[in-house]
Amino acid sequence: MTTTPERLVRQLAFLREADRLKHIQRRNYTLDGSRLENSAEHSWHLGLMVLLLGEYAANPGLNLARAIQMALVHDLVEIDAGDTYAYDPNAMAGKVAREQAAAERLFNLLPLEQAAFLRSLWDEFEAGETPEAQFANAIDRLQPVIANHITQGKSWTSHHVRASQVEARCQPITTGAPTLGAYARNLIEDALQRGFLMPD
């Protein structure tokens, strides 16, 4: 039996760790409302949304492939840090430090240049300054709004989320994709009228 190259060993070790994302449960439901989704499902669906909705990006010249890459890796840190529910202020405390530590450990499982590449994607997404990061962030904020609207606010109502909280959370959508920002506002308004969100 031949020896496995060290580079491949490290890549496979990282991929094995990445598989753990399938076990990180989120607070949002699958669109049929039958169960909570996991972070791997979220990341896959987010990547698909970025691919298909790229025409709505605020910057039509953005590198869509890079935005998709960001969508696929942005939540890997949850393997160590866990999912942080956006509407839980107590859980949000310390989120940045937890996720930075997770990024340091997880990405450094890879060979040096791949570790640097994935870390650069994650840092870019978190900073939200490039057109690619702004668009990926916009879709990341839009996805749960669509899910909650389809499931009649199942996650929102169970956590007593107010319309103003969702509106504030959705501000980056308009920056990254103005048309989708308007669509999100319509969904929020309809959700409020139908009792899927608490009024302020």
N, C-alpha and C. Protein backbone atom coordinates (compact mmCIF):
# COMPACT_ATOMS: atom_id res chain seq x y z
N MET A 1 0.85 -1.19 0.00
CA MET A 1 0.00 0.00 0.00
C MET A 1 0.89 1.25 0.00
N THR A 2 0.58 2.17 -0.89
CA THR A 2 1.37 3.39 -0.98
C THR A 2 0.96 4.39 0.11
N THR A 3 1.88 5.26 0.45
CA THR A 3 1.62 6.27 1.46
C THR A 3 0.78 7.40 0.86
N THR A 4 -0.22 7.84 1.61
CA THR A 4 -1.05 8.96 1.15
C THR A 4 -0.26 10.26 1.28
N PRO A 5 -0.21 11.07 0.23
CA PRO A 5 0.53 12.35 0.30
C PRO A 5 -0.01 13.23 1.42
N GLU A 6 0.87 13.94 2.09
CA GLU A 6 0.50 14.79 3.21
C GLU A 6 -0.56 15.82 2.81
N ARG A 7 -0.44 16.37 1.62
CA ARG A 7 -1.42 17.37 1.15
C ARG A 7 -2.82 16.76 1.11
N LEU A 8 -2.94 15.57 0.58
CA LEU A 8 -4.24 14.91 0.51
C LEU A 8 -4.76 14.57 1.89
N VAL A 9 -3.87 14.17 2.78
CA VAL A 9 -4.27 13.87 4.16
C VAL A 9 -4.92 15.10 4.79
N ARG A 10 -4.30 16.26 4.59
CA ARG A 10 -4.83 17.49 5.18
C ARG A 10 -6.15 17.90 4.53
N GLN A 11 -6.25 17.76 3.23
CA GLN A 11 -7.50 18.10 2.54
C GLN A 11 -8.64 17.21 3.02
N LEU A 12 -8.36 15.91 3.15
CA LEU A 12 -9.40 14.98 3.59
C LEU A 12 -9.78 15.21 5.05
N ALA A 13 -8.80 15.60 5.86
CA ALA A 13 -9.10 15.92 7.27
C ALA A 13 -10.04 17.12 7.35
N PHE A 14 -9.77 18.13 6.52
CA PHE A 14 -10.65 19.29 6.50
C PHE A 14 -12.06 18.92 6.03
N LEU A 15 -12.14 18.13 4.97
CA LEU A 15 -13.45 17.72 4.44
C LEU A 15 -14.22 16.89 5.46
N ARG A 16 -13.50 16.10 6.23
CA ARG A 16 -14.17 15.34 7.28
C ARG A 16 -14.76 16.28 8.34
N GLU A 17 -13.98 17.29 8.71
CA GLU A 17 -14.50 18.29 9.65
C GLU A 17 -15.69 19.04 9.05
N ALA A 18 -15.59 19.40 7.78
CA ALA A 18 -16.66 20.15 7.12
C ALA A 18 -17.97 19.38 7.14
N ASP A 19 -17.90 18.07 7.11
CA ASP A 19 -19.11 17.24 7.15
C ASP A 19 -19.91 17.47 8.43
N ARG A 20 -19.24 17.92 9.47
CA ARG A 20 -19.92 18.18 10.75
C ARG A 20 -20.93 19.32 10.66
N LEU A 21 -20.84 20.13 9.60
CA LEU A 21 -21.80 21.22 9.43
C LEU A 21 -23.22 20.67 9.26
N LYS A 22 -23.32 19.43 8.82
CA LYS A 22 -24.63 18.79 8.67
C LYS A 22 -25.34 18.59 10.00
N HIS A 23 -24.60 18.70 11.09
CA HIS A 23 -25.16 18.46 12.42
C HIS A 23 -25.42 19.74 13.21
N ILE A 24 -25.15 20.88 12.58
CA ILE A 24 -25.41 22.17 13.24
C ILE A 24 -26.82 22.62 12.89
N GLN A 25 -27.69 22.59 13.88
CA GLN A 25 -29.10 22.91 13.64
C GLN A 25 -29.33 24.41 13.73
N ARG A 26 -30.08 24.91 12.78
CA ARG A 26 -30.44 26.32 12.74
C ARG A 26 -31.84 26.52 13.33
N ARG A 27 -32.26 27.78 13.43
CA ARG A 27 -33.60 28.09 13.97
C ARG A 27 -34.65 28.20 12.88
N ASN A 28 -34.19 28.19 11.62
CA ASN A 28 -35.13 28.27 10.50
C ASN A 28 -35.57 26.88 10.07
N TYR A 29 -36.75 26.82 9.53
CA TYR A 29 -37.34 25.54 9.12
C TYR A 29 -37.12 25.29 7.62
N THR A 30 -37.14 24.03 7.26
CA THR A 30 -37.19 23.69 5.84
C THR A 30 -38.50 24.25 5.30
N LEU A 31 -38.57 24.45 3.99
CA LEU A 31 -39.72 25.16 3.43
C LEU A 31 -41.04 24.42 3.57
N ASP A 32 -41.00 23.12 3.83
CA ASP A 32 -42.25 22.42 4.09
C ASP A 32 -42.66 22.52 5.56
N GLY A 33 -41.82 23.16 6.38
CA GLY A 33 -42.14 23.39 7.78
C GLY A 33 -42.04 22.16 8.66
N SER A 34 -41.50 21.06 8.13
CA SER A 34 -41.52 19.80 8.87
C SER A 34 -40.42 19.68 9.92
N ARG A 35 -39.31 20.42 9.73
CA ARG A 35 -38.19 20.31 10.67
C ARG A 35 -37.28 21.50 10.50
N LEU A 36 -36.40 21.67 11.48
CA LEU A 36 -35.39 22.71 11.39
C LEU A 36 -34.32 22.29 10.37
N GLU A 37 -33.80 23.26 9.66
CA GLU A 37 -32.74 22.96 8.70
C GLU A 37 -31.40 22.92 9.42
N ASN A 38 -30.41 22.30 8.78
CA ASN A 38 -29.07 22.36 9.33
C ASN A 38 -28.24 23.33 8.51
N SER A 39 -27.07 23.68 9.03
CA SER A 39 -26.26 24.72 8.38
C SER A 39 -25.70 24.29 7.03
N ALA A 40 -25.46 23.00 6.84
CA ALA A 40 -24.98 22.54 5.53
C ALA A 40 -26.07 22.73 4.48
N GLU A 41 -27.30 22.42 4.85
CA GLU A 41 -28.42 22.62 3.92
C GLU A 41 -28.57 24.10 3.59
N HIS A 42 -28.45 24.93 4.61
CA HIS A 42 -28.53 26.38 4.40
C HIS A 42 -27.45 26.85 3.43
N SER A 43 -26.21 26.41 3.65
CA SER A 43 -25.10 26.86 2.81
C SER A 43 -25.26 26.41 1.36
N TRP A 44 -25.71 25.16 1.18
CA TRP A 44 -25.93 24.66 -0.19
C TRP A 44 -27.02 25.49 -0.88
N HIS A 45 -28.12 25.70 -0.19
CA HIS A 45 -29.23 26.43 -0.81
C HIS A 45 -28.86 27.88 -1.06
N LEU A 46 -28.08 28.45 -0.14
CA LEU A 46 -27.61 29.82 -0.32
C LEU A 46 -26.73 29.92 -1.57
N GLY A 47 -25.82 28.96 -1.73
CA GLY A 47 -24.97 28.97 -2.93
C GLY A 47 -25.78 28.90 -4.20
N LEU A 48 -26.82 28.08 -4.19
CA LEU A 48 -27.70 27.96 -5.36
C LEU A 48 -28.45 29.26 -5.61
N MET A 49 -28.90 29.91 -4.54
CA MET A 49 -29.60 31.19 -4.69
C MET A 49 -28.68 32.26 -5.27
N VAL A 50 -27.44 32.31 -4.78
CA VAL A 50 -26.48 33.28 -5.31
C VAL A 50 -26.25 33.04 -6.80
N LEU A 51 -26.11 31.78 -7.18
CA LEU A 51 -25.91 31.43 -8.59
C LEU A 51 -27.08 31.89 -9.45
N LEU A 52 -28.29 31.62 -9.01
CA LEU A 52 -29.47 31.88 -9.83
C LEU A 52 -29.95 33.33 -9.80
N LEU A 53 -29.65 34.05 -8.72
CA LEU A 53 -30.16 35.41 -8.58
C LEU A 53 -29.10 36.48 -8.85
N GLY A 54 -27.97 36.07 -9.41
CA GLY A 54 -26.88 36.99 -9.66
C GLY A 54 -27.25 38.20 -10.49
N GLU A 55 -28.24 38.06 -11.34
CA GLU A 55 -28.64 39.19 -12.19
C GLU A 55 -29.20 40.36 -11.39
N TYR A 56 -29.56 40.13 -10.13
CA TYR A 56 -30.12 41.19 -9.30
C TYR A 56 -29.08 41.90 -8.44
N ALA A 57 -27.83 41.51 -8.56
CA ALA A 57 -26.77 42.15 -7.78
C ALA A 57 -26.69 43.64 -8.11
N ALA A 58 -26.39 44.45 -7.10
CA ALA A 58 -26.26 45.90 -7.30
C ALA A 58 -25.16 46.21 -8.29
N ASN A 59 -24.10 45.42 -8.27
CA ASN A 59 -22.98 45.60 -9.18
C ASN A 59 -23.01 44.48 -10.21
N PRO A 60 -23.46 44.76 -11.45
CA PRO A 60 -23.57 43.70 -12.45
C PRO A 60 -22.24 43.11 -12.89
N GLY A 61 -21.13 43.78 -12.57
CA GLY A 61 -19.83 43.27 -12.97
C GLY A 61 -19.13 42.44 -11.91
N LEU A 62 -19.86 42.07 -10.86
CA LEU A 62 -19.22 41.34 -9.78
C LEU A 62 -18.77 39.94 -10.24
N ASN A 63 -17.85 39.36 -9.48
CA ASN A 63 -17.36 38.01 -9.73
C ASN A 63 -18.32 37.04 -9.05
N LEU A 64 -19.29 36.53 -9.80
CA LEU A 64 -20.33 35.69 -9.22
C LEU A 64 -19.76 34.40 -8.64
N ALA A 65 -18.75 33.85 -9.28
CA ALA A 65 -18.13 32.62 -8.77
C ALA A 65 -17.57 32.85 -7.37
N ARG A 66 -16.96 33.99 -7.13
CA ARG A 66 -16.43 34.27 -5.79
C ARG A 66 -17.56 34.44 -4.78
N ALA A 67 -18.64 35.06 -5.17
CA ALA A 67 -19.80 35.20 -4.27
C ALA A 67 -20.36 33.82 -3.90
N ILE A 68 -20.40 32.91 -4.86
CA ILE A 68 -20.87 31.55 -4.58
C ILE A 68 -19.91 30.85 -3.62
N GLN A 69 -18.61 31.03 -3.84
CA GLN A 69 -17.62 30.44 -2.94
C GLN A 69 -17.81 30.94 -1.52
N MET A 70 -18.06 32.22 -1.37
CA MET A 70 -18.30 32.78 -0.03
C MET A 70 -19.54 32.16 0.61
N ALA A 71 -20.58 32.00 -0.19
CA ALA A 71 -21.81 31.41 0.33
C ALA A 71 -21.56 30.00 0.85
N LEU A 72 -20.72 29.25 0.16
CA LEU A 72 -20.46 27.87 0.54
C LEU A 72 -19.60 27.73 1.78
N VAL A 73 -18.73 28.71 2.05
CA VAL A 73 -17.81 28.56 3.19
C VAL A 73 -18.16 29.44 4.39
N HIS A 74 -19.09 30.39 4.24
CA HIS A 74 -19.27 31.40 5.29
C HIS A 74 -19.71 30.84 6.62
N ASP A 75 -20.42 29.72 6.62
CA ASP A 75 -20.91 29.17 7.89
C ASP A 75 -20.10 27.99 8.41
N LEU A 76 -18.98 27.66 7.77
CA LEU A 76 -18.16 26.55 8.27
C LEU A 76 -17.72 26.77 9.71
N VAL A 77 -17.56 28.03 10.11
CA VAL A 77 -17.13 28.32 11.48
C VAL A 77 -18.13 27.83 12.51
N GLU A 78 -19.37 27.59 12.09
CA GLU A 78 -20.38 27.11 13.04
C GLU A 78 -20.09 25.71 13.54
N ILE A 79 -19.19 24.99 12.87
CA ILE A 79 -18.78 23.67 13.35
C ILE A 79 -18.25 23.79 14.77
N ASP A 80 -17.47 24.83 15.04
CA ASP A 80 -16.94 25.08 16.39
C ASP A 80 -17.79 26.07 17.17
N ALA A 81 -18.24 27.13 16.49
CA ALA A 81 -18.90 28.24 17.19
C ALA A 81 -20.39 28.03 17.38
N GLY A 82 -20.99 27.09 16.63
CA GLY A 82 -22.43 26.89 16.70
C GLY A 82 -23.17 27.97 15.92
N ASP A 83 -24.44 27.72 15.67
CA ASP A 83 -25.27 28.71 14.99
C ASP A 83 -25.71 29.76 16.00
N THR A 84 -25.60 31.02 15.64
CA THR A 84 -26.03 32.10 16.51
C THR A 84 -27.30 32.70 15.94
N TYR A 85 -28.39 32.59 16.69
CA TYR A 85 -29.67 33.11 16.21
C TYR A 85 -29.63 34.63 16.18
N ALA A 86 -29.91 35.19 15.03
CA ALA A 86 -29.75 36.63 14.81
C ALA A 86 -30.62 37.48 15.73
N TYR A 87 -31.72 36.93 16.23
CA TYR A 87 -32.64 37.71 17.06
C TYR A 87 -32.50 37.41 18.55
N ASP A 88 -31.36 36.83 18.94
CA ASP A 88 -31.07 36.54 20.35
C ASP A 88 -29.86 37.36 20.77
N PRO A 89 -30.09 38.51 21.44
CA PRO A 89 -28.96 39.39 21.79
C PRO A 89 -27.95 38.73 22.71
N ASN A 90 -28.40 37.83 23.59
CA ASN A 90 -27.47 37.15 24.48
C ASN A 90 -26.54 36.23 23.70
N ALA A 91 -27.09 35.53 22.72
CA ALA A 91 -26.28 34.62 21.91
C ALA A 91 -25.31 35.40 21.02
N MET A 92 -25.70 36.61 20.62
CA MET A 92 -24.84 37.41 19.74
C MET A 92 -23.59 37.91 20.46
N ALA A 93 -23.66 38.01 21.79
CA ALA A 93 -22.50 38.45 22.56
C ALA A 93 -21.38 37.42 22.42
N GLY A 94 -20.23 37.87 22.03
CA GLY A 94 -19.09 36.97 21.87
C GLY A 94 -19.05 36.22 20.56
N LYS A 95 -20.02 36.46 19.68
CA LYS A 95 -20.09 35.75 18.40
C LYS A 95 -18.83 35.95 17.57
N VAL A 96 -18.36 37.17 17.47
CA VAL A 96 -17.20 37.47 16.63
C VAL A 96 -15.98 36.70 17.12
N ALA A 97 -15.73 36.72 18.42
CA ALA A 97 -14.56 36.03 18.96
C ALA A 97 -14.67 34.52 18.76
N ARG A 98 -15.86 33.97 18.97
CA ARG A 98 -16.05 32.52 18.79
C ARG A 98 -15.79 32.13 17.34
N GLU A 99 -16.31 32.92 16.42
CA GLU A 99 -16.16 32.58 15.01
C GLU A 99 -14.74 32.81 14.51
N GLN A 100 -14.06 33.82 15.01
CA GLN A 100 -12.66 34.04 14.63
C GLN A 100 -11.80 32.85 15.06
N ALA A 101 -12.01 32.37 16.27
CA ALA A 101 -11.25 31.22 16.77
C ALA A 101 -11.55 29.98 15.93
N ALA A 102 -12.81 29.82 15.57
CA ALA A 102 -13.20 28.67 14.74
C ALA A 102 -12.56 28.74 13.37
N ALA A 103 -12.55 29.93 12.77
CA ALA A 103 -11.94 30.11 11.45
C ALA A 103 -10.45 29.76 11.51
N GLU A 104 -9.80 30.20 12.56
CA GLU A 104 -8.36 29.93 12.72
C GLU A 104 -8.09 28.43 12.77
N ARG A 105 -8.88 27.70 13.53
CA ARG A 105 -8.64 26.26 13.65
C ARG A 105 -9.02 25.52 12.37
N LEU A 106 -10.22 25.78 11.89
CA LEU A 106 -10.75 24.97 10.78
C LEU A 106 -9.99 25.17 9.49
N PHE A 107 -9.79 26.40 9.08
CA PHE A 107 -9.15 26.63 7.79
C PHE A 107 -7.69 26.19 7.80
N ASN A 108 -7.06 26.23 8.97
CA ASN A 108 -5.66 25.83 9.05
C ASN A 108 -5.46 24.32 9.06
N LEU A 109 -6.53 23.58 8.95
CA LEU A 109 -6.40 22.14 8.72
C LEU A 109 -5.92 21.87 7.30
N LEU A 110 -6.16 22.82 6.41
CA LEU A 110 -5.85 22.67 4.99
C LEU A 110 -4.38 22.98 4.70
N PRO A 111 -3.89 22.56 3.53
CA PRO A 111 -2.59 23.04 3.07
C PRO A 111 -2.57 24.57 3.04
N LEU A 112 -1.39 25.13 3.21
CA LEU A 112 -1.24 26.56 3.45
C LEU A 112 -2.00 27.45 2.48
N GLU A 113 -1.86 27.24 1.18
CA GLU A 113 -2.49 28.17 0.23
C GLU A 113 -4.01 27.99 0.20
N GLN A 114 -4.50 26.78 0.41
CA GLN A 114 -5.94 26.58 0.46
C GLN A 114 -6.52 27.15 1.74
N ALA A 115 -5.78 27.02 2.84
CA ALA A 115 -6.21 27.63 4.11
C ALA A 115 -6.33 29.14 3.94
N ALA A 116 -5.33 29.75 3.29
CA ALA A 116 -5.34 31.20 3.08
C ALA A 116 -6.50 31.62 2.18
N PHE A 117 -6.78 30.79 1.15
CA PHE A 117 -7.86 31.12 0.23
C PHE A 117 -9.22 31.08 0.91
N LEU A 118 -9.51 30.00 1.63
CA LEU A 118 -10.80 29.90 2.31
C LEU A 118 -10.94 30.95 3.40
N ARG A 119 -9.85 31.22 4.09
CA ARG A 119 -9.90 32.26 5.12
C ARG A 119 -10.18 33.62 4.49
N SER A 120 -9.58 33.88 3.32
CA SER A 120 -9.82 35.16 2.64
C SER A 120 -11.28 35.30 2.23
N LEU A 121 -11.88 34.19 1.79
CA LEU A 121 -13.31 34.21 1.44
C LEU A 121 -14.15 34.54 2.67
N TRP A 122 -13.84 33.87 3.78
CA TRP A 122 -14.61 34.07 5.00
C TRP A 122 -14.45 35.50 5.51
N ASP A 123 -13.21 36.00 5.54
CA ASP A 123 -12.96 37.38 6.00
C ASP A 123 -13.67 38.39 5.11
N GLU A 124 -13.64 38.15 3.80
CA GLU A 124 -14.29 39.07 2.86
C GLU A 124 -15.80 39.10 3.09
N PHE A 125 -16.40 37.92 3.28
CA PHE A 125 -17.83 37.86 3.54
C PHE A 125 -18.17 38.63 4.82
N GLU A 126 -17.39 38.40 5.87
CA GLU A 126 -17.65 39.05 7.16
C GLU A 126 -17.51 40.56 7.06
N ALA A 127 -16.52 41.04 6.31
CA ALA A 127 -16.31 42.48 6.18
C ALA A 127 -17.44 43.14 5.38
N GLY A 128 -17.98 42.42 4.39
CA GLY A 128 -19.11 42.91 3.61
C GLY A 128 -18.83 44.17 2.81
N GLU A 129 -17.62 44.34 2.34
CA GLU A 129 -17.26 45.58 1.65
C GLU A 129 -17.19 45.45 0.13
N THR A 130 -16.86 44.28 -0.38
CA THR A 130 -16.74 44.11 -1.83
C THR A 130 -18.13 43.84 -2.43
N PRO A 131 -18.30 44.08 -3.72
CA PRO A 131 -19.59 43.77 -4.35
C PRO A 131 -19.99 42.31 -4.16
N GLU A 132 -19.01 41.41 -4.22
CA GLU A 132 -19.29 39.99 -4.06
C GLU A 132 -19.78 39.68 -2.66
N ALA A 133 -19.13 40.25 -1.66
CA ALA A 133 -19.54 40.02 -0.28
C ALA A 133 -20.89 40.66 0.01
N GLN A 134 -21.13 41.83 -0.54
CA GLN A 134 -22.42 42.50 -0.32
C GLN A 134 -23.56 41.70 -0.93
N PHE A 135 -23.31 41.12 -2.10
CA PHE A 135 -24.36 40.32 -2.72
C PHE A 135 -24.59 39.01 -1.96
N ALA A 136 -23.51 38.34 -1.58
CA ALA A 136 -23.65 37.09 -0.82
C ALA A 136 -24.36 37.36 0.51
N ASN A 137 -24.02 38.46 1.17
CA ASN A 137 -24.69 38.83 2.41
C ASN A 137 -26.17 39.14 2.18
N ALA A 138 -26.46 39.81 1.07
CA ALA A 138 -27.86 40.12 0.75
C ALA A 138 -28.68 38.84 0.64
N ILE A 139 -28.15 37.87 -0.06
CA ILE A 139 -28.89 36.61 -0.23
C ILE A 139 -28.98 35.86 1.09
N ASP A 140 -27.93 35.93 1.90
CA ASP A 140 -27.94 35.29 3.22
C ASP A 140 -29.03 35.88 4.11
N ARG A 141 -29.29 37.16 3.98
CA ARG A 141 -30.35 37.81 4.77
C ARG A 141 -31.74 37.55 4.16
N LEU A 142 -31.78 37.42 2.83
CA LEU A 142 -33.07 37.19 2.16
C LEU A 142 -33.60 35.78 2.40
N GLN A 143 -32.71 34.80 2.41
CA GLN A 143 -33.13 33.40 2.49
C GLN A 143 -34.09 33.12 3.67
N PRO A 144 -33.77 33.53 4.91
CA PRO A 144 -34.69 33.23 6.00
C PRO A 144 -36.01 34.00 5.94
N VAL A 145 -35.99 35.16 5.28
CA VAL A 145 -37.25 35.91 5.11
C VAL A 145 -38.19 35.11 4.21
N ILE A 146 -37.65 34.60 3.12
CA ILE A 146 -38.46 33.77 2.22
C ILE A 146 -38.95 32.53 2.95
N ALA A 147 -38.06 31.88 3.70
CA ALA A 147 -38.43 30.66 4.42
C ALA A 147 -39.53 30.93 5.43
N ASN A 148 -39.40 32.01 6.17
CA ASN A 148 -40.42 32.33 7.18
C ASN A 148 -41.74 32.72 6.55
N HIS A 149 -41.69 33.41 5.42
CA HIS A 149 -42.93 33.77 4.76
C HIS A 149 -43.66 32.51 4.26
N ILE A 150 -42.91 31.59 3.67
CA ILE A 150 -43.51 30.35 3.16
C ILE A 150 -44.08 29.49 4.29
N THR A 151 -43.38 29.47 5.43
CA THR A 151 -43.83 28.62 6.56
C THR A 151 -44.74 29.38 7.52
N GLN A 152 -45.27 30.50 7.07
CA GLN A 152 -46.19 31.32 7.87
C GLN A 152 -45.55 31.78 9.18
N GLY A 153 -44.29 32.18 9.06
CA GLY A 153 -43.58 32.75 10.20
C GLY A 153 -43.27 31.76 11.30
N LYS A 154 -43.10 30.51 10.95
CA LYS A 154 -42.93 29.46 11.97
C LYS A 154 -41.78 29.76 12.93
N SER A 155 -40.65 30.18 12.42
CA SER A 155 -39.52 30.51 13.29
C SER A 155 -39.74 31.87 13.97
N TRP A 156 -40.24 32.84 13.24
CA TRP A 156 -40.48 34.16 13.82
C TRP A 156 -41.46 34.10 14.98
N THR A 157 -42.58 33.44 14.77
CA THR A 157 -43.61 33.43 15.82
C THR A 157 -43.15 32.67 17.05
N SER A 158 -42.39 31.60 16.85
CA SER A 158 -41.94 30.81 18.02
C SER A 158 -40.91 31.57 18.85
N HIS A 159 -40.27 32.57 18.26
CA HIS A 159 -39.28 33.37 18.99
C HIS A 159 -39.75 34.82 19.21
N HIS A 160 -41.04 35.09 18.94
CA HIS A 160 -41.64 36.41 19.19
C HIS A 160 -40.85 37.55 18.51
N VAL A 161 -40.49 37.33 17.26
CA VAL A 161 -39.72 38.31 16.51
C VAL A 161 -40.63 39.43 16.02
N ARG A 162 -40.16 40.67 16.18
CA ARG A 162 -40.92 41.84 15.77
C ARG A 162 -40.53 42.26 14.35
N ALA A 163 -41.45 42.92 13.68
CA ALA A 163 -41.21 43.36 12.30
C ALA A 163 -39.99 44.27 12.20
N SER A 164 -39.81 45.16 13.18
CA SER A 164 -38.67 46.09 13.14
C SER A 164 -37.33 45.34 13.22
N GLN A 165 -37.31 44.22 13.93
CA GLN A 165 -36.08 43.43 14.02
C GLN A 165 -35.72 42.84 12.65
N VAL A 166 -36.73 42.34 11.96
CA VAL A 166 -36.48 41.75 10.64
C VAL A 166 -36.10 42.84 9.65
N GLU A 167 -36.76 43.98 9.72
CA GLU A 167 -36.43 45.09 8.83
C GLU A 167 -34.98 45.52 9.01
N ALA A 168 -34.54 45.63 10.26
CA ALA A 168 -33.16 46.02 10.52
C ALA A 168 -32.18 44.96 10.00
N ARG A 169 -32.53 43.71 10.20
CA ARG A 169 -31.67 42.61 9.75
C ARG A 169 -31.57 42.59 8.22
N CYS A 170 -32.58 43.08 7.55
CA CYS A 170 -32.63 43.01 6.09
C CYS A 170 -32.03 44.22 5.38
N GLN A 171 -31.53 45.20 6.11
CA GLN A 171 -30.95 46.38 5.48
C GLN A 171 -29.86 46.04 4.45
N PRO A 172 -28.97 45.08 4.73
CA PRO A 172 -27.92 44.77 3.74
C PRO A 172 -28.45 44.23 2.41
N ILE A 173 -29.68 43.77 2.38
CA ILE A 173 -30.21 43.26 1.12
C ILE A 173 -30.28 44.38 0.09
N THR A 174 -30.73 45.54 0.51
CA THR A 174 -30.85 46.67 -0.41
C THR A 174 -29.48 47.12 -0.94
N THR A 175 -28.46 47.02 -0.09
CA THR A 175 -27.10 47.39 -0.52
C THR A 175 -26.60 46.43 -1.60
N GLY A 176 -26.78 45.14 -1.39
CA GLY A 176 -26.23 44.15 -2.31
C GLY A 176 -27.10 43.84 -3.50
N ALA A 177 -28.42 44.07 -3.35
CA ALA A 177 -29.37 43.71 -4.41
C ALA A 177 -30.66 44.51 -4.22
N PRO A 178 -30.72 45.75 -4.71
CA PRO A 178 -31.86 46.62 -4.44
C PRO A 178 -33.22 46.02 -4.79
N THR A 179 -33.32 45.33 -5.91
CA THR A 179 -34.59 44.73 -6.31
C THR A 179 -35.04 43.69 -5.28
N LEU A 180 -34.08 42.91 -4.80
CA LEU A 180 -34.40 41.89 -3.81
C LEU A 180 -34.70 42.53 -2.45
N GLY A 181 -34.10 43.69 -2.19
CA GLY A 181 -34.43 44.42 -0.97
C GLY A 181 -35.88 44.86 -0.97
N ALA A 182 -36.36 45.33 -2.11
CA ALA A 182 -37.77 45.72 -2.23
C ALA A 182 -38.67 44.51 -2.07
N TYR A 183 -38.26 43.39 -2.64
CA TYR A 183 -39.03 42.14 -2.50
C TYR A 183 -39.10 41.72 -1.04
N ALA A 184 -37.99 41.81 -0.32
CA ALA A 184 -37.97 41.44 1.09
C ALA A 184 -38.91 42.35 1.90
N ARG A 185 -38.90 43.65 1.61
CA ARG A 185 -39.80 44.57 2.32
C ARG A 185 -41.26 44.20 2.09
N ASN A 186 -41.59 43.80 0.87
CA ASN A 186 -42.97 43.37 0.59
C ASN A 186 -43.34 42.13 1.39
N LEU A 187 -42.40 41.18 1.49
CA LEU A 187 -42.67 39.97 2.27
C LEU A 187 -42.86 40.29 3.75
N ILE A 188 -42.04 41.19 4.26
CA ILE A 188 -42.15 41.58 5.67
C ILE A 188 -43.48 42.26 5.95
N GLU A 189 -43.87 43.17 5.06
CA GLU A 189 -45.15 43.86 5.22
C GLU A 189 -46.32 42.87 5.18
N ASP A 190 -46.26 41.94 4.25
CA ASP A 190 -47.32 40.94 4.15
C ASP A 190 -47.34 40.04 5.39
N ALA A 191 -46.15 39.66 5.86
CA ALA A 191 -46.05 38.81 7.05
C ALA A 191 -46.63 39.51 8.27
N LEU A 192 -46.39 40.80 8.39
CA LEU A 192 -46.93 41.58 9.50
C LEU A 192 -48.45 41.62 9.43
N GLN A 193 -48.98 41.88 8.25
CA GLN A 193 -50.43 41.95 8.07
C GLN A 193 -51.11 40.61 8.35
N ARG A 194 -50.41 39.52 8.04
CA ARG A 194 -50.99 38.19 8.23
C ARG A 194 -50.68 37.58 9.60
N GLY A 195 -49.99 38.34 10.44
CA GLY A 195 -49.73 37.88 11.80
C GLY A 195 -48.55 36.93 11.93
N PHE A 196 -47.67 36.91 10.92
CA PHE A 196 -46.48 36.05 11.00
C PHE A 196 -45.36 36.74 11.79
N LEU A 197 -45.48 38.05 11.97
CA LEU A 197 -44.52 38.85 12.72
C LEU A 197 -45.26 39.67 13.76
N MET A 198 -44.57 39.92 14.89
CA MET A 198 -45.18 40.76 15.92
C MET A 198 -45.02 42.23 15.55
N PRO A 199 -46.06 43.04 15.76
CA PRO A 199 -45.91 44.48 15.52
C PRO A 199 -45.05 45.09 16.63
N ASP A 200 -44.58 46.31 16.38
CA ASP A 200 -43.74 46.98 17.40
C ASP A 200 -44.63 47.74 18.40
